[in-house]
Every structure is written in C-alpha cells, then in structure tokens.
Amino acid sequence: MQQRFAALKRAIATTSASGNQFIVRGDYAAAEQLFNKALQDWRSGGGPKVEEGDLILQLGKCYVAQRKYEQAYELYMQALNYLTGTAYDEVYASFLYLNERMGTFAAKEPEPPYSPF
C-alpha cells in the first residue's frame, strides 16, 4: 500500500511541477487543467483527502487568477470539511482572502442600537 501511494505521489508531483511552470508563465488555464488532472488522479488513485491541501491551493490559485471565483469558493468550501492542520489553515486563509475579494464579508450598514420602545 505504501508503494502504491509513493508512485501516486511521484506522478502527482510531476504533474504539479508542470502546472507550476505554467503558473510562472502566466498560463493559468493550462495550469488549471494540470491541477484538475492531478486532483482527479489523486482521488481516483485512492489518495487520502487530508493530503490534498497543496493541490487545492494550486487549483484555487488558477481559478482566482482567471476570475473563476465561484469555482474557487466551492473548491475551498469542500476542502475545509476534511483538511486538517497546516493544510486547513492555508486553505482557510485563501478562502478568507477570496471572501474579501468577492465582498462576501463586506462592511454592512450598522444596525441601530436596540431599543425596547
């Protein structure tokens, strides 16, 4: 079982490295395709969901760069249900940034003070 995940991790690392090269070049659409493939390969290969943090972050970065905010939002929301530790913290920080960018937590008009009269 350990060998199966080792081979899967190597394959994902290769795909991710290629995706990162596209990001450096500013080709987020091509990077998105590679990170989507890597995430699908990871999941179909039985990779543990709690280890998806890096793929989620990279794919989310591709979505945000292309202004596909709703897709990034959904990706982050789903991932926050199963990530833990540092991976959770990093995805949560990206989620909060996206919320701010989308105006989800934009300042609202303050409510008037409560008065029983």
PDB file of N, CA and C in Angstrom:
ATOM      1  N   MET A   1       0.830  -1.184   0.000  1.00  0.00           N
ATOM      2  CA  MET A   1       0.000   0.000   0.000  1.00  0.00           C
ATOM      3  C   MET A   1       0.876   1.250   0.000  1.00  0.00           C
ATOM      4  N   GLN A   2       1.924   1.240   0.791  1.00  0.00           N
ATOM      5  CA  GLN A   2       2.840   2.387   0.865  1.00  0.00           C
ATOM      6  C   GLN A   2       3.491   2.643  -0.492  1.00  0.00           C
ATOM      7  N   GLN A   3       3.839   1.573  -1.209  1.00  0.00           N
ATOM      8  CA  GLN A   3       4.449   1.738  -2.526  1.00  0.00           C
ATOM      9  C   GLN A   3       3.470   2.325  -3.528  1.00  0.00           C
ATOM     10  N   ARG A   4       2.210   1.945  -3.419  1.00  0.00           N
ATOM     11  CA  ARG A   4       1.198   2.471  -4.326  1.00  0.00           C
ATOM     12  C   ARG A   4       1.075   3.981  -4.160  1.00  0.00           C
ATOM     13  N   PHE A   5       1.056   4.440  -2.916  1.00  0.00           N
ATOM     14  CA  PHE A   5       0.962   5.876  -2.669  1.00  0.00           C
ATOM     15  C   PHE A   5       2.254   6.590  -3.048  1.00  0.00           C
ATOM     16  N   ALA A   6       3.379   5.928  -2.915  1.00  0.00           N
ATOM     17  CA  ALA A   6       4.657   6.537  -3.299  1.00  0.00           C
ATOM     18  C   ALA A   6       4.674   6.806  -4.804  1.00  0.00           C
ATOM     19  N   ALA A   7       4.222   5.843  -5.589  1.00  0.00           N
ATOM     20  CA  ALA A   7       4.168   6.027  -7.039  1.00  0.00           C
ATOM     21  C   ALA A   7       3.146   7.103  -7.406  1.00  0.00           C
ATOM     22  N   LEU A   8       2.019   7.106  -6.722  1.00  0.00           N
ATOM     23  CA  LEU A   8       0.990   8.106  -6.967  1.00  0.00           C
ATOM     24  C   LEU A   8       1.511   9.500  -6.617  1.00  0.00           C
ATOM     25  N   LYS A   9       2.208   9.617  -5.503  1.00  0.00           N
ATOM     26  CA  LYS A   9       2.763  10.918  -5.091  1.00  0.00           C
ATOM     27  C   LYS A   9       3.801  11.419  -6.096  1.00  0.00           C
ATOM     28  N   ARG A  10       4.619  10.522  -6.613  1.00  0.00           N
ATOM     29  CA  ARG A  10       5.613  10.924  -7.622  1.00  0.00           C
ATOM     30  C   ARG A  10       4.924  11.437  -8.888  1.00  0.00           C
ATOM     31  N   ALA A  11       3.900  10.717  -9.331  1.00  0.00           N
ATOM     32  CA  ALA A  11       3.176  11.127 -10.537  1.00  0.00           C
ATOM     33  C   ALA A  11       2.505  12.485 -10.321  1.00  0.00           C
ATOM     34  N   ILE A  12       1.916  12.685  -9.161  1.00  0.00           N
ATOM     35  CA  ILE A  12       1.248  13.954  -8.849  1.00  0.00           C
ATOM     36  C   ILE A  12       2.283  15.071  -8.761  1.00  0.00           C
ATOM     37  N   ALA A  13       3.434  14.792  -8.174  1.00  0.00           N
ATOM     38  CA  ALA A  13       4.496  15.799  -8.060  1.00  0.00           C
ATOM     39  C   ALA A  13       4.971  16.241  -9.441  1.00  0.00           C
ATOM     40  N   THR A  14       5.083  15.299 -10.372  1.00  0.00           N
ATOM     41  CA  THR A  14       5.496  15.632 -11.741  1.00  0.00           C
ATOM     42  C   THR A  14       4.451  16.515 -12.421  1.00  0.00           C
ATOM     43  N   THR A  15       3.195  16.131 -12.295  1.00  0.00           N
ATOM     44  CA  THR A  15       2.117  16.927 -12.890  1.00  0.00           C
ATOM     45  C   THR A  15       2.067  18.312 -12.249  1.00  0.00           C
ATOM     46  N   SER A  16       2.216  18.372 -10.931  1.00  0.00           N
ATOM     47  CA  SER A  16       2.180  19.651 -10.215  1.00  0.00           C
ATOM     48  C   SER A  16       3.346  20.552 -10.631  1.00  0.00           C
ATOM     49  N   ALA A  17       4.513  19.969 -10.811  1.00  0.00           N
ATOM     50  CA  ALA A  17       5.669  20.760 -11.243  1.00  0.00           C
ATOM     51  C   ALA A  17       5.398  21.393 -12.613  1.00  0.00           C
ATOM     52  N   SER A  18       4.794  20.634 -13.503  1.00  0.00           N
ATOM     53  CA  SER A  18       4.436  21.177 -14.817  1.00  0.00           C
ATOM     54  C   SER A  18       3.398  22.286 -14.666  1.00  0.00           C
ATOM     55  N   GLY A  19       2.431  22.082 -13.794  1.00  0.00           N
ATOM     56  CA  GLY A  19       1.421  23.102 -13.534  1.00  0.00           C
ATOM     57  C   GLY A  19       2.037  24.378 -12.989  1.00  0.00           C
ATOM     58  N   ASN A  20       3.011  24.231 -12.090  1.00  0.00           N
ATOM     59  CA  ASN A  20       3.692  25.404 -11.536  1.00  0.00           C
ATOM     60  C   ASN A  20       4.463  26.161 -12.606  1.00  0.00           C
ATOM     61  N   GLN A  21       5.022  25.455 -13.574  1.00  0.00           N
ATOM     62  CA  GLN A  21       5.717  26.123 -14.678  1.00  0.00           C
ATOM     63  C   GLN A  21       4.748  26.971 -15.498  1.00  0.00           C
ATOM     64  N   PHE A  22       3.543  26.461 -15.709  1.00  0.00           N
ATOM     65  CA  PHE A  22       2.540  27.251 -16.430  1.00  0.00           C
ATOM     66  C   PHE A  22       2.132  28.481 -15.624  1.00  0.00           C
ATOM     67  N   ILE A  23       2.033  28.335 -14.303  1.00  0.00           N
ATOM     68  CA  ILE A  23       1.696  29.483 -13.455  1.00  0.00           C
ATOM     69  C   ILE A  23       2.769  30.557 -13.580  1.00  0.00           C
ATOM     70  N   VAL A  24       4.024  30.152 -13.539  1.00  0.00           N
ATOM     71  CA  VAL A  24       5.123  31.112 -13.665  1.00  0.00           C
ATOM     72  C   VAL A  24       5.024  31.871 -14.990  1.00  0.00           C
ATOM     73  N   ARG A  25       4.594  31.190 -16.028  1.00  0.00           N
ATOM     74  CA  ARG A  25       4.449  31.817 -17.346  1.00  0.00           C
ATOM     75  C   ARG A  25       3.148  32.633 -17.473  1.00  0.00           C
ATOM     76  N   GLY A  26       2.291  32.525 -16.464  1.00  0.00           N
ATOM     77  CA  GLY A  26       1.023  33.240 -16.502  1.00  0.00           C
ATOM     78  C   GLY A  26      -0.070  32.533 -17.271  1.00  0.00           C
ATOM     79  N   ASP A  27       0.141  31.271 -17.619  1.00  0.00           N
ATOM     80  CA  ASP A  27      -0.856  30.492 -18.355  1.00  0.00           C
ATOM     81  C   ASP A  27      -1.688  29.692 -17.345  1.00  0.00           C
ATOM     82  N   TYR A  28      -2.622  30.404 -16.719  1.00  0.00           N
ATOM     83  CA  TYR A  28      -3.408  29.782 -15.656  1.00  0.00           C
ATOM     84  C   TYR A  28      -4.411  28.767 -16.174  1.00  0.00           C
ATOM     85  N   ALA A  29      -4.867  28.921 -17.410  1.00  0.00           N
ATOM     86  CA  ALA A  29      -5.801  27.953 -17.987  1.00  0.00           C
ATOM     87  C   ALA A  29      -5.121  26.591 -18.156  1.00  0.00           C
ATOM     88  N   ALA A  30      -3.891  26.586 -18.662  1.00  0.00           N
ATOM     89  CA  ALA A  30      -3.152  25.324 -18.815  1.00  0.00           C
ATOM     90  C   ALA A  30      -2.821  24.736 -17.445  1.00  0.00           C
ATOM     91  N   ALA A  31      -2.436  25.593 -16.508  1.00  0.00           N
ATOM     92  CA  ALA A  31      -2.131  25.121 -15.151  1.00  0.00           C
ATOM     93  C   ALA A  31      -3.378  24.530 -14.504  1.00  0.00           C
ATOM     94  N   GLU A  32      -4.518  25.176 -14.720  1.00  0.00           N
ATOM     95  CA  GLU A  32      -5.781  24.659 -14.168  1.00  0.00           C
ATOM     96  C   GLU A  32      -6.043  23.239 -14.653  1.00  0.00           C
ATOM     97  N   GLN A  33      -5.843  23.011 -15.940  1.00  0.00           N
ATOM     98  CA  GLN A  33      -6.061  21.670 -16.487  1.00  0.00           C
ATOM     99  C   GLN A  33      -5.161  20.642 -15.811  1.00  0.00           C
ATOM    100  N   LEU A  34      -3.894  21.006 -15.617  1.00  0.00           N
ATOM    101  CA  LEU A  34      -2.968  20.060 -14.989  1.00  0.00           C
ATOM    102  C   LEU A  34      -3.317  19.803 -13.527  1.00  0.00           C
ATOM    103  N   PHE A  35      -3.656  20.854 -12.788  1.00  0.00           N
ATOM    104  CA  PHE A  35      -4.005  20.647 -11.384  1.00  0.00           C
ATOM    105  C   PHE A  35      -5.331  19.913 -11.224  1.00  0.00           C
ATOM    106  N   ASN A  36      -6.269  20.154 -12.133  1.00  0.00           N
ATOM    107  CA  ASN A  36      -7.508  19.372 -12.124  1.00  0.00           C
ATOM    108  C   ASN A  36      -7.206  17.898 -12.357  1.00  0.00           C
ATOM    109  N   LYS A  37      -6.338  17.623 -13.334  1.00  0.00           N
ATOM    110  CA  LYS A  37      -5.954  16.243 -13.626  1.00  0.00           C
ATOM    111  C   LYS A  37      -5.255  15.617 -12.431  1.00  0.00           C
ATOM    112  N   ALA A  38      -4.339  16.366 -11.817  1.00  0.00           N
ATOM    113  CA  ALA A  38      -3.617  15.840 -10.660  1.00  0.00           C
ATOM    114  C   ALA A  38      -4.580  15.504  -9.523  1.00  0.00           C
ATOM    115  N   LEU A  39      -5.553  16.384  -9.280  1.00  0.00           N
ATOM    116  CA  LEU A  39      -6.519  16.144  -8.216  1.00  0.00           C
ATOM    117  C   LEU A  39      -7.390  14.934  -8.534  1.00  0.00           C
ATOM    118  N   GLN A  40      -7.821  14.817  -9.781  1.00  0.00           N
ATOM    119  CA  GLN A  40      -8.615  13.651 -10.184  1.00  0.00           C
ATOM    120  C   GLN A  40      -7.799  12.363 -10.064  1.00  0.00           C
ATOM    121  N   ASP A  41      -6.542  12.417 -10.505  1.00  0.00           N
ATOM    122  CA  ASP A  41      -5.676  11.239 -10.404  1.00  0.00           C
ATOM    123  C   ASP A  41      -5.461  10.845  -8.946  1.00  0.00           C
ATOM    124  N   TRP A  42      -5.267  11.844  -8.105  1.00  0.00           N
ATOM    125  CA  TRP A  42      -5.050  11.577  -6.681  1.00  0.00           C
ATOM    126  C   TRP A  42      -6.276  10.889  -6.079  1.00  0.00           C
ATOM    127  N   ARG A  43      -7.434  11.440  -6.396  1.00  0.00           N
ATOM    128  CA  ARG A  43      -8.666  10.881  -5.832  1.00  0.00           C
ATOM    129  C   ARG A  43      -8.980   9.502  -6.410  1.00  0.00           C
ATOM    130  N   SER A  44      -8.814   9.340  -7.720  1.00  0.00           N
ATOM    131  CA  SER A  44      -9.102   8.028  -8.319  1.00  0.00           C
ATOM    132  C   SER A  44      -8.079   6.980  -7.894  1.00  0.00           C
ATOM    133  N   GLY A  45      -6.874   7.424  -7.518  1.00  0.00           N
ATOM    134  CA  GLY A  45      -5.849   6.504  -7.036  1.00  0.00           C
ATOM    135  C   GLY A  45      -5.988   6.168  -5.561  1.00  0.00           C
ATOM    136  N   GLY A  46      -7.013   6.715  -4.932  1.00  0.00           N
ATOM    137  CA  GLY A  46      -7.250   6.411  -3.516  1.00  0.00           C
ATOM    138  C   GLY A  46      -6.416   7.236  -2.557  1.00  0.00           C
ATOM    139  N   GLY A  47      -5.874   8.360  -3.032  1.00  0.00           N
ATOM    140  CA  GLY A  47      -5.086   9.227  -2.158  1.00  0.00           C
ATOM    141  C   GLY A  47      -5.947   9.802  -1.051  1.00  0.00           C
ATOM    142  N   PRO A  48      -5.399   9.892   0.156  1.00  0.00           N
ATOM    143  CA  PRO A  48      -6.176  10.414   1.282  1.00  0.00           C
ATOM    144  C   PRO A  48      -6.562  11.878   1.071  1.00  0.00           C
ATOM    145  N   LYS A  49      -7.814  12.187   1.323  1.00  0.00           N
ATOM    146  CA  LYS A  49      -8.302  13.555   1.154  1.00  0.00           C
ATOM    147  C   LYS A  49      -7.540  14.544   2.027  1.00  0.00           C
ATOM    148  N   VAL A  50      -7.107  14.113   3.190  1.00  0.00           N
ATOM    149  CA  VAL A  50      -6.418  15.037   4.095  1.00  0.00           C
ATOM    150  C   VAL A  50      -5.064  15.482   3.552  1.00  0.00           C
ATOM    151  N   GLU A  51      -4.597  14.856   2.473  1.00  0.00           N
ATOM    152  CA  GLU A  51      -3.320  15.235   1.871  1.00  0.00           C
ATOM    153  C   GLU A  51      -3.489  16.027   0.566  1.00  0.00           C
ATOM    154  N   GLU A  52      -4.674  16.537   0.319  1.00  0.00           N
ATOM    155  CA  GLU A  52      -4.953  17.259  -0.924  1.00  0.00           C
ATOM    156  C   GLU A  52      -4.657  18.751  -0.842  1.00  0.00           C
ATOM    157  N   GLY A  53      -4.216  19.241   0.281  1.00  0.00           N
ATOM    158  CA  GLY A  53      -4.077  20.672   0.507  1.00  0.00           C
ATOM    159  C   GLY A  53      -3.306  21.417  -0.563  1.00  0.00           C
ATOM    160  N   ASP A  54      -2.145  20.936  -0.946  1.00  0.00           N
ATOM    161  CA  ASP A  54      -1.334  21.635  -1.952  1.00  0.00           C
ATOM    162  C   ASP A  54      -2.037  21.690  -3.309  1.00  0.00           C
ATOM    163  N   LEU A  55      -2.665  20.604  -3.693  1.00  0.00           N
ATOM    164  CA  LEU A  55      -3.381  20.592  -4.964  1.00  0.00           C
ATOM    165  C   LEU A  55      -4.563  21.565  -4.937  1.00  0.00           C
ATOM    166  N   ILE A  56      -5.259  21.597  -3.820  1.00  0.00           N
ATOM    167  CA  ILE A  56      -6.397  22.507  -3.666  1.00  0.00           C
ATOM    168  C   ILE A  56      -5.922  23.955  -3.785  1.00  0.00           C
ATOM    169  N   LEU A  57      -4.826  24.278  -3.108  1.00  0.00           N
ATOM    170  CA  LEU A  57      -4.303  25.645  -3.145  1.00  0.00           C
ATOM    171  C   LEU A  57      -3.886  26.050  -4.557  1.00  0.00           C
ATOM    172  N   GLN A  58      -3.196  25.166  -5.252  1.00  0.00           N
ATOM    173  CA  GLN A  58      -2.736  25.494  -6.601  1.00  0.00           C
ATOM    174  C   GLN A  58      -3.901  25.628  -7.573  1.00  0.00           C
ATOM    175  N   LEU A  59      -4.849  24.718  -7.492  1.00  0.00           N
ATOM    176  CA  LEU A  59      -6.019  24.798  -8.368  1.00  0.00           C
ATOM    177  C   LEU A  59      -6.824  26.057  -8.042  1.00  0.00           C
ATOM    178  N   GLY A  60      -6.982  26.349  -6.770  1.00  0.00           N
ATOM    179  CA  GLY A  60      -7.687  27.564  -6.365  1.00  0.00           C
ATOM    180  C   GLY A  60      -7.001  28.811  -6.879  1.00  0.00           C
ATOM    181  N   LYS A  61      -5.678  28.819  -6.843  1.00  0.00           N
ATOM    182  CA  LYS A  61      -4.913  29.963  -7.362  1.00  0.00           C
ATOM    183  C   LYS A  61      -5.205  30.148  -8.856  1.00  0.00           C
ATOM    184  N   CYS A  62      -5.294  29.058  -9.590  1.00  0.00           N
ATOM    185  CA  CYS A  62      -5.603  29.133 -11.021  1.00  0.00           C
ATOM    186  C   CYS A  62      -7.000  29.705 -11.241  1.00  0.00           C
ATOM    187  N   TYR A  63      -7.960  29.243 -10.450  1.00  0.00           N
ATOM    188  CA  TYR A  63      -9.318  29.767 -10.572  1.00  0.00           C
ATOM    189  C   TYR A  63      -9.360  31.267 -10.294  1.00  0.00           C
ATOM    190  N   VAL A  64      -8.742  31.686  -9.197  1.00  0.00           N
ATOM    191  CA  VAL A  64      -8.774  33.096  -8.809  1.00  0.00           C
ATOM    192  C   VAL A  64      -8.104  33.961  -9.872  1.00  0.00           C
ATOM    193  N   ALA A  65      -6.970  33.518 -10.388  1.00  0.00           N
ATOM    194  CA  ALA A  65      -6.258  34.293 -11.408  1.00  0.00           C
ATOM    195  C   ALA A  65      -7.101  34.484 -12.672  1.00  0.00           C
ATOM    196  N   GLN A  66      -7.993  33.546 -12.925  1.00  0.00           N
ATOM    197  CA  GLN A  66      -8.870  33.633 -14.100  1.00  0.00           C
ATOM    198  C   GLN A  66     -10.244  34.223 -13.750  1.00  0.00           C
ATOM    199  N   ARG A  67     -10.361  34.691 -12.534  1.00  0.00           N
ATOM    200  CA  ARG A  67     -11.616  35.273 -12.022  1.00  0.00           C
ATOM    201  C   ARG A  67     -12.759  34.267 -12.004  1.00  0.00           C
ATOM    202  N   LYS A  68     -12.422  33.029 -11.780  1.00  0.00           N
ATOM    203  CA  LYS A  68     -13.429  31.976 -11.606  1.00  0.00           C
ATOM    204  C   LYS A  68     -13.663  31.822 -10.102  1.00  0.00           C
ATOM    205  N   TYR A  69     -14.149  32.897  -9.514  1.00  0.00           N
ATOM    206  CA  TYR A  69     -14.255  32.970  -8.062  1.00  0.00           C
ATOM    207  C   TYR A  69     -15.217  31.939  -7.480  1.00  0.00           C
ATOM    208  N   GLU A  70     -16.320  31.706  -8.150  1.00  0.00           N
ATOM    209  CA  GLU A  70     -17.294  30.752  -7.626  1.00  0.00           C
ATOM    210  C   GLU A  70     -16.713  29.345  -7.574  1.00  0.00           C
ATOM    211  N   GLN A  71     -15.934  28.985  -8.598  1.00  0.00           N
ATOM    212  CA  GLN A  71     -15.313  27.656  -8.603  1.00  0.00           C
ATOM    213  C   GLN A  71     -14.284  27.541  -7.470  1.00  0.00           C
ATOM    214  N   ALA A  72     -13.511  28.590  -7.273  1.00  0.00           N
ATOM    215  CA  ALA A  72     -12.535  28.584  -6.183  1.00  0.00           C
ATOM    216  C   ALA A  72     -13.237  28.493  -4.837  1.00  0.00           C
ATOM    217  N   TYR A  73     -14.307  29.251  -4.695  1.00  0.00           N
ATOM    218  CA  TYR A  73     -15.073  29.255  -3.451  1.00  0.00           C
ATOM    219  C   TYR A  73     -15.579  27.851  -3.126  1.00  0.00           C
ATOM    220  N   GLU A  74     -16.186  27.190  -4.117  1.00  0.00           N
ATOM    221  CA  GLU A  74     -16.692  25.826  -3.915  1.00  0.00           C
ATOM    222  C   GLU A  74     -15.564  24.851  -3.577  1.00  0.00           C
ATOM    223  N   LEU A  75     -14.461  24.979  -4.286  1.00  0.00           N
ATOM    224  CA  LEU A  75     -13.302  24.110  -4.048  1.00  0.00           C
ATOM    225  C   LEU A  75     -12.825  24.247  -2.601  1.00  0.00           C
ATOM    226  N   TYR A  76     -12.661  25.493  -2.153  1.00  0.00           N
ATOM    227  CA  TYR A  76     -12.196  25.740  -0.785  1.00  0.00           C
ATOM    228  C   TYR A  76     -13.211  25.259   0.244  1.00  0.00           C
ATOM    229  N   MET A  77     -14.486  25.550   0.008  1.00  0.00           N
ATOM    230  CA  MET A  77     -15.525  25.146   0.971  1.00  0.00           C
ATOM    231  C   MET A  77     -15.538  23.629   1.158  1.00  0.00           C
ATOM    232  N   GLN A  78     -15.444  22.903   0.079  1.00  0.00           N
ATOM    233  CA  GLN A  78     -15.450  21.444   0.170  1.00  0.00           C
ATOM    234  C   GLN A  78     -14.210  20.952   0.902  1.00  0.00           C
ATOM    235  N   ALA A  79     -13.056  21.528   0.579  1.00  0.00           N
ATOM    236  CA  ALA A  79     -11.801  21.073   1.173  1.00  0.00           C
ATOM    237  C   ALA A  79     -11.752  21.336   2.668  1.00  0.00           C
ATOM    238  N   LEU A  80     -12.366  22.408   3.128  1.00  0.00           N
ATOM    239  CA  LEU A  80     -12.334  22.733   4.556  1.00  0.00           C
ATOM    240  C   LEU A  80     -13.062  21.701   5.399  1.00  0.00           C
ATOM    241  N   ASN A  81     -13.882  20.882   4.769  1.00  0.00           N
ATOM    242  CA  ASN A  81     -14.593  19.833   5.502  1.00  0.00           C
ATOM    243  C   ASN A  81     -13.706  18.662   5.891  1.00  0.00           C
ATOM    244  N   TYR A  82     -12.563  18.489   5.229  1.00  0.00           N
ATOM    245  CA  TYR A  82     -11.749  17.305   5.519  1.00  0.00           C
ATOM    246  C   TYR A  82     -10.273  17.589   5.738  1.00  0.00           C
ATOM    247  N   LEU A  83      -9.796  18.771   5.432  1.00  0.00           N
ATOM    248  CA  LEU A  83      -8.382  19.073   5.679  1.00  0.00           C
ATOM    249  C   LEU A  83      -8.149  19.323   7.167  1.00  0.00           C
ATOM    250  N   THR A  84      -6.914  19.118   7.587  1.00  0.00           N
ATOM    251  CA  THR A  84      -6.559  19.356   8.988  1.00  0.00           C
ATOM    252  C   THR A  84      -5.202  20.060   9.041  1.00  0.00           C
ATOM    253  N   GLY A  85      -4.872  20.570  10.208  1.00  0.00           N
ATOM    254  CA  GLY A  85      -3.550  21.136  10.451  1.00  0.00           C
ATOM    255  C   GLY A  85      -3.204  22.294   9.542  1.00  0.00           C
ATOM    256  N   THR A  86      -1.953  22.323   9.108  1.00  0.00           N
ATOM    257  CA  THR A  86      -1.436  23.403   8.277  1.00  0.00           C
ATOM    258  C   THR A  86      -2.187  23.509   6.950  1.00  0.00           C
ATOM    259  N   ALA A  87      -2.526  22.376   6.360  1.00  0.00           N
ATOM    260  CA  ALA A  87      -3.264  22.398   5.089  1.00  0.00           C
ATOM    261  C   ALA A  87      -4.602  23.116   5.271  1.00  0.00           C
ATOM    262  N   TYR A  88      -5.289  22.835   6.365  1.00  0.00           N
ATOM    263  CA  TYR A  88      -6.555  23.516   6.654  1.00  0.00           C
ATOM    264  C   TYR A  88      -6.321  25.019   6.790  1.00  0.00           C
ATOM    265  N   ASP A  89      -5.314  25.375   7.575  1.00  0.00           N
ATOM    266  CA  ASP A  89      -5.017  26.794   7.813  1.00  0.00           C
ATOM    267  C   ASP A  89      -4.727  27.539   6.516  1.00  0.00           C
ATOM    268  N   GLU A  90      -3.952  26.923   5.629  1.00  0.00           N
ATOM    269  CA  GLU A  90      -3.586  27.572   4.368  1.00  0.00           C
ATOM    270  C   GLU A  90      -4.794  27.724   3.443  1.00  0.00           C
ATOM    271  N   VAL A  91      -5.614  26.690   3.362  1.00  0.00           N
ATOM    272  CA  VAL A  91      -6.813  26.778   2.517  1.00  0.00           C
ATOM    273  C   VAL A  91      -7.799  27.775   3.129  1.00  0.00           C
ATOM    274  N   TYR A  92      -7.900  27.790   4.450  1.00  0.00           N
ATOM    275  CA  TYR A  92      -8.801  28.734   5.110  1.00  0.00           C
ATOM    276  C   TYR A  92      -8.356  30.173   4.853  1.00  0.00           C
ATOM    277  N   ALA A  93      -7.057  30.419   4.889  1.00  0.00           N
ATOM    278  CA  ALA A  93      -6.545  31.764   4.597  1.00  0.00           C
ATOM    279  C   ALA A  93      -6.886  32.161   3.161  1.00  0.00           C
ATOM    280  N   SER A  94      -6.745  31.249   2.221  1.00  0.00           N
ATOM    281  CA  SER A  94      -7.106  31.524   0.831  1.00  0.00           C
ATOM    282  C   SER A  94      -8.613  31.756   0.704  1.00  0.00           C
ATOM    283  N   PHE A  95      -9.381  30.991   1.450  1.00  0.00           N
ATOM    284  CA  PHE A  95     -10.833  31.141   1.461  1.00  0.00           C
ATOM    285  C   PHE A  95     -11.230  32.525   1.984  1.00  0.00           C
ATOM    286  N   LEU A  96     -10.604  32.955   3.070  1.00  0.00           N
ATOM    287  CA  LEU A  96     -10.905  34.278   3.621  1.00  0.00           C
ATOM    288  C   LEU A  96     -10.517  35.390   2.647  1.00  0.00           C
ATOM    289  N   TYR A  97      -9.367  35.250   2.011  1.00  0.00           N
ATOM    290  CA  TYR A  97      -8.941  36.220   1.008  1.00  0.00           C
ATOM    291  C   TYR A  97      -9.982  36.306  -0.118  1.00  0.00           C
ATOM    292  N   LEU A  98     -10.422  35.157  -0.573  1.00  0.00           N
ATOM    293  CA  LEU A  98     -11.413  35.115  -1.643  1.00  0.00           C
ATOM    294  C   LEU A  98     -12.726  35.752  -1.197  1.00  0.00           C
ATOM    295  N   ASN A  99     -13.145  35.460   0.025  1.00  0.00           N
ATOM    296  CA  ASN A  99     -14.359  36.073   0.550  1.00  0.00           C
ATOM    297  C   ASN A  99     -14.249  37.588   0.543  1.00  0.00           C
ATOM    298  N   GLU A 100     -13.096  38.084   0.959  1.00  0.00           N
ATOM    299  CA  GLU A 100     -12.878  39.523   0.981  1.00  0.00           C
ATOM    300  C   GLU A 100     -12.926  40.079  -0.447  1.00  0.00           C
ATOM    301  N   ARG A 101     -12.278  39.387  -1.341  1.00  0.00           N
ATOM    302  CA  ARG A 101     -12.235  39.823  -2.736  1.00  0.00           C
ATOM    303  C   ARG A 101     -13.626  39.818  -3.375  1.00  0.00           C
ATOM    304  N   MET A 102     -14.418  38.835  -3.037  1.00  0.00           N
ATOM    305  CA  MET A 102     -15.764  38.729  -3.582  1.00  0.00           C
ATOM    306  C   MET A 102     -16.738  39.660  -2.862  1.00  0.00           C
ATOM    307  N   GLY A 103     -16.326  40.203  -1.735  1.00  0.00           N
ATOM    308  CA  GLY A 103     -17.205  41.089  -0.984  1.00  0.00           C
ATOM    309  C   GLY A 103     -18.175  40.365  -0.089  1.00  0.00           C
ATOM    310  N   THR A 104     -17.930  39.082   0.152  1.00  0.00           N
ATOM    311  CA  THR A 104     -18.839  38.302   0.979  1.00  0.00           C
ATOM    312  C   THR A 104     -18.949  38.874   2.383  1.00  0.00           C
ATOM    313  N   PHE A 105     -17.834  39.329   2.922  1.00  0.00           N
ATOM    314  CA  PHE A 105     -17.838  39.880   4.267  1.00  0.00           C
ATOM    315  C   PHE A 105     -17.702  41.396   4.226  1.00  0.00           C
ATOM    316  N   ALA A 106     -18.211  42.014   3.182  1.00  0.00           N
ATOM    317  CA  ALA A 106     -18.113  43.470   3.058  1.00  0.00           C
ATOM    318  C   ALA A 106     -18.844  44.131   4.220  1.00  0.00           C
ATOM    319  N   ALA A 107     -18.341  45.291   4.591  1.00  0.00           N
ATOM    320  CA  ALA A 107     -18.945  46.024   5.701  1.00  0.00           C
ATOM    321  C   ALA A 107     -20.393  46.359   5.367  1.00  0.00           C
ATOM    322  N   LYS A 108     -21.250  46.111   6.311  1.00  0.00           N
ATOM    323  CA  LYS A 108     -22.661  46.412   6.156  1.00  0.00           C
ATOM    324  C   LYS A 108     -22.988  47.635   6.992  1.00  0.00           C
ATOM    325  N   GLU A 109     -24.119  48.220   6.679  1.00  0.00           N
ATOM    326  CA  GLU A 109     -24.577  49.343   7.476  1.00  0.00           C
ATOM    327  C   GLU A 109     -24.803  48.867   8.904  1.00  0.00           C
ATOM    328  N   PRO A 110     -24.304  49.607   9.884  1.00  0.00           N
ATOM    329  CA  PRO A 110     -24.525  49.180  11.257  1.00  0.00           C
ATOM    330  C   PRO A 110     -26.007  49.241  11.600  1.00  0.00           C
ATOM    331  N   GLU A 111     -26.432  48.265  12.378  1.00  0.00           N
ATOM    332  CA  GLU A 111     -27.823  48.250  12.806  1.00  0.00           C
ATOM    333  C   GLU A 111     -27.993  49.280  13.910  1.00  0.00           C
ATOM    334  N   PRO A 112     -29.169  49.891  13.958  1.00  0.00           N
ATOM    335  CA  PRO A 112     -29.382  50.858  15.044  1.00  0.00           C
ATOM    336  C   PRO A 112     -29.380  50.134  16.382  1.00  0.00           C
ATOM    337  N   PRO A 113     -29.004  50.840  17.446  1.00  0.00           N
ATOM    338  CA  PRO A 113     -28.998  50.197  18.769  1.00  0.00           C
ATOM    339  C   PRO A 113     -30.404  49.701  19.126  1.00  0.00           C
ATOM    340  N   TYR A 114     -30.410  48.617  19.849  1.00  0.00           N
ATOM    341  CA  TYR A 114     -31.681  48.036  20.285  1.00  0.00           C
ATOM    342  C   TYR A 114     -32.380  48.981  21.246  1.00  0.00           C
ATOM    343  N   SER A 115     -33.648  49.150  21.023  1.00  0.00           N
ATOM    344  CA  SER A 115     -34.459  49.952  21.933  1.00  0.00           C
ATOM    345  C   SER A 115     -35.774  49.243  22.133  1.00  0.00           C
ATOM    346  N   PRO A 116     -36.125  48.962  23.373  1.00  0.00           N
ATOM    347  CA  PRO A 116     -37.404  48.275  23.615  1.00  0.00           C
ATOM    348  C   PRO A 116     -38.613  49.187  23.373  1.00  0.00           C
ATOM    349  N   PHE A 117     -38.381  50.461  23.122  1.00  0.00           N
ATOM    350  CA  PHE A 117     -39.515  51.406  22.942  1.00  0.00           C
ATOM    351  C   PHE A 117     -39.638  51.823  21.530  1.00  0.00           C
TER     352      PHE A 117
END
